[in-house]
Structures are given as C-alpha cells and as structure tokens.
Amino acid sequence: MLDWSTCSVVERDFDRMNGGWVFCGTRVPVSALFENLEDGVEITEFVDLFPGVTLEQVRTVLDHAAKSLASPYVA
C-alpha cells in the first residue's frame, strides 16, 4: 500500500469522503485517477472531467506512486 501522507498534493479528512485520500482542495478521490487511467482516459481528459484537479497534481500523484513502487520493500 502506498503512503500517501508524504504526497504534497493529496489530503485526508475523516469528516469528508470517509477519510479517503483526495486531491487537495477537492472531493475527488485519488483512486478515481487510477480507475480512469485503467479505463483508458488520458490525464488531460481526467483534468477536464474533474474540475479542481490540476495537471500538476495528477503528475505529482503519478510520480509519487512510481517512486513508491520503485522503493525497495522493507519488512
């Protein structure tokens, strides 16, 4: 599981969206990005579909995920 707490463009509020990780300043779940990418939606299209989410935020989330997956597993 990724540690989203170190990603600067997402936030978590337990009173909003059941405490799920969302893009800062929005109610758009981070998971929506990955679901849309799986469905073939391009990142520029995603930004158009979800007002309030910026291209910079999307790129930062993807970069964070990629770096997290590249980190060696520590047990």
C-alpha atoms as a PDB file:
ATOM      1  CA  MET A   1       0.000   0.000   0.000  1.00  0.00           C
ATOM      2  CA  LEU A   2       1.318   3.438  -0.895  1.00  0.00           C
ATOM      3  CA  ASP A   3       1.995   6.031   1.804  1.00  0.00           C
ATOM      4  CA  TRP A   4       0.008   8.999   0.533  1.00  0.00           C
ATOM      5  CA  SER A   5       0.820  11.054   3.645  1.00  0.00           C
ATOM      6  CA  THR A   6       4.091  12.128   2.017  1.00  0.00           C
ATOM      7  CA  CYS A   7       2.457  13.319  -1.210  1.00  0.00           C
ATOM      8  CA  SER A   8       2.008  17.096  -1.126  1.00  0.00           C
ATOM      9  CA  VAL A   9      -0.996  17.305  -3.462  1.00  0.00           C
ATOM     10  CA  VAL A  10      -3.366  14.976  -1.620  1.00  0.00           C
ATOM     11  CA  GLU A  11      -5.127  15.238   1.701  1.00  0.00           C
ATOM     12  CA  ARG A  12      -7.281  13.189   4.013  1.00  0.00           C
ATOM     13  CA  ASP A  13     -10.136  14.430   6.170  1.00  0.00           C
ATOM     14  CA  PHE A  14     -12.083  11.842   8.123  1.00  0.00           C
ATOM     15  CA  ASP A  15     -15.171  14.090   8.008  1.00  0.00           C
ATOM     16  CA  ARG A  16     -15.043  14.169   4.211  1.00  0.00           C
ATOM     17  CA  MET A  17     -15.132  11.275   1.752  1.00  0.00           C
ATOM     18  CA  ASN A  18     -14.938   8.744   4.609  1.00  0.00           C
ATOM     19  CA  GLY A  19     -11.308   9.660   5.196  1.00  0.00           C
ATOM     20  CA  GLY A  20     -10.193   8.622   1.747  1.00  0.00           C
ATOM     21  CA  TRP A  21      -7.277  10.356   0.068  1.00  0.00           C
ATOM     22  CA  VAL A  22      -8.430  13.165  -2.230  1.00  0.00           C
ATOM     23  CA  PHE A  23      -6.719  15.771  -4.356  1.00  0.00           C
ATOM     24  CA  CYS A  24      -6.117  18.862  -2.186  1.00  0.00           C
ATOM     25  CA  GLY A  25      -8.946  21.353  -2.304  1.00  0.00           C
ATOM     26  CA  THR A  26     -11.356  18.884  -3.922  1.00  0.00           C
ATOM     27  CA  ARG A  27     -13.576  15.929  -3.131  1.00  0.00           C
ATOM     28  CA  VAL A  28     -12.012  13.916  -5.973  1.00  0.00           C
ATOM     29  CA  PRO A  29     -10.569  10.643  -4.677  1.00  0.00           C
ATOM     30  CA  VAL A  30      -7.049   9.755  -5.752  1.00  0.00           C
ATOM     31  CA  SER A  31      -8.428   6.331  -6.641  1.00  0.00           C
ATOM     32  CA  ALA A  32     -10.581   7.988  -9.341  1.00  0.00           C
ATOM     33  CA  LEU A  33      -7.401   8.861 -11.229  1.00  0.00           C
ATOM     34  CA  PHE A  34      -6.202   5.263 -11.332  1.00  0.00           C
ATOM     35  CA  GLU A  35      -9.663   3.930 -12.200  1.00  0.00           C
ATOM     36  CA  ASN A  36      -9.906   6.348 -15.104  1.00  0.00           C
ATOM     37  CA  LEU A  37      -6.403   5.534 -16.325  1.00  0.00           C
ATOM     38  CA  GLU A  38      -7.316   1.842 -16.281  1.00  0.00           C
ATOM     39  CA  ASP A  39     -10.318   2.700 -18.467  1.00  0.00           C
ATOM     40  CA  GLY A  40      -8.065   4.433 -20.991  1.00  0.00           C
ATOM     41  CA  VAL A  41      -8.741   8.032 -20.014  1.00  0.00           C
ATOM     42  CA  GLU A  42      -5.759  10.306 -20.675  1.00  0.00           C
ATOM     43  CA  ILE A  43      -4.542  12.582 -17.889  1.00  0.00           C
ATOM     44  CA  THR A  44      -5.566  15.739 -19.742  1.00  0.00           C
ATOM     45  CA  GLU A  45      -9.033  14.257 -20.148  1.00  0.00           C
ATOM     46  CA  PHE A  46      -9.134  13.404 -16.436  1.00  0.00           C
ATOM     47  CA  VAL A  47      -8.390  17.020 -15.536  1.00  0.00           C
ATOM     48  CA  ASP A  48     -11.240  18.115 -17.810  1.00  0.00           C
ATOM     49  CA  LEU A  49     -13.612  15.595 -16.224  1.00  0.00           C
ATOM     50  CA  PHE A  50     -12.788  16.589 -12.649  1.00  0.00           C
ATOM     51  CA  PRO A  51     -12.775  20.378 -12.190  1.00  0.00           C
ATOM     52  CA  GLY A  52     -10.470  21.499  -9.421  1.00  0.00           C
ATOM     53  CA  VAL A  53      -7.836  18.857 -10.133  1.00  0.00           C
ATOM     54  CA  THR A  54      -4.828  20.264 -11.941  1.00  0.00           C
ATOM     55  CA  LEU A  55      -2.466  18.619 -14.368  1.00  0.00           C
ATOM     56  CA  GLU A  56       0.362  19.347 -11.927  1.00  0.00           C
ATOM     57  CA  GLN A  57      -1.486  17.469  -9.161  1.00  0.00           C
ATOM     58  CA  VAL A  58      -2.041  14.476 -11.433  1.00  0.00           C
ATOM     59  CA  ARG A  59       1.613  14.393 -12.444  1.00  0.00           C
ATOM     60  CA  THR A  60       2.719  14.665  -8.818  1.00  0.00           C
ATOM     61  CA  VAL A  61       0.438  11.782  -7.786  1.00  0.00           C
ATOM     62  CA  LEU A  62       1.709   9.597 -10.625  1.00  0.00           C
ATOM     63  CA  ASP A  63       5.312  10.480  -9.793  1.00  0.00           C
ATOM     64  CA  HIS A  64       4.717   9.706  -6.115  1.00  0.00           C
ATOM     65  CA  ALA A  65       3.184   6.333  -6.988  1.00  0.00           C
ATOM     66  CA  ALA A  66       6.027   5.472  -9.342  1.00  0.00           C
ATOM     67  CA  LYS A  67       8.695   6.390  -6.783  1.00  0.00           C
ATOM     68  CA  SER A  68       6.885   4.468  -4.060  1.00  0.00           C
ATOM     69  CA  LEU A  69       6.703   1.367  -6.214  1.00  0.00           C
ATOM     70  CA  ALA A  70      10.385   1.647  -7.096  1.00  0.00           C
ATOM     71  CA  SER A  71      11.415   1.743  -3.418  1.00  0.00           C
ATOM     72  CA  PRO A  72      12.849  -1.444  -2.006  1.00  0.00           C
ATOM     73  CA  TYR A  73      10.471  -3.387   0.201  1.00  0.00           C
ATOM     74  CA  VAL A  74      11.327  -3.172   3.880  1.00  0.00           C
ATOM     75  CA  ALA A  75       9.799  -5.803   6.131  1.00  0.00           C
END
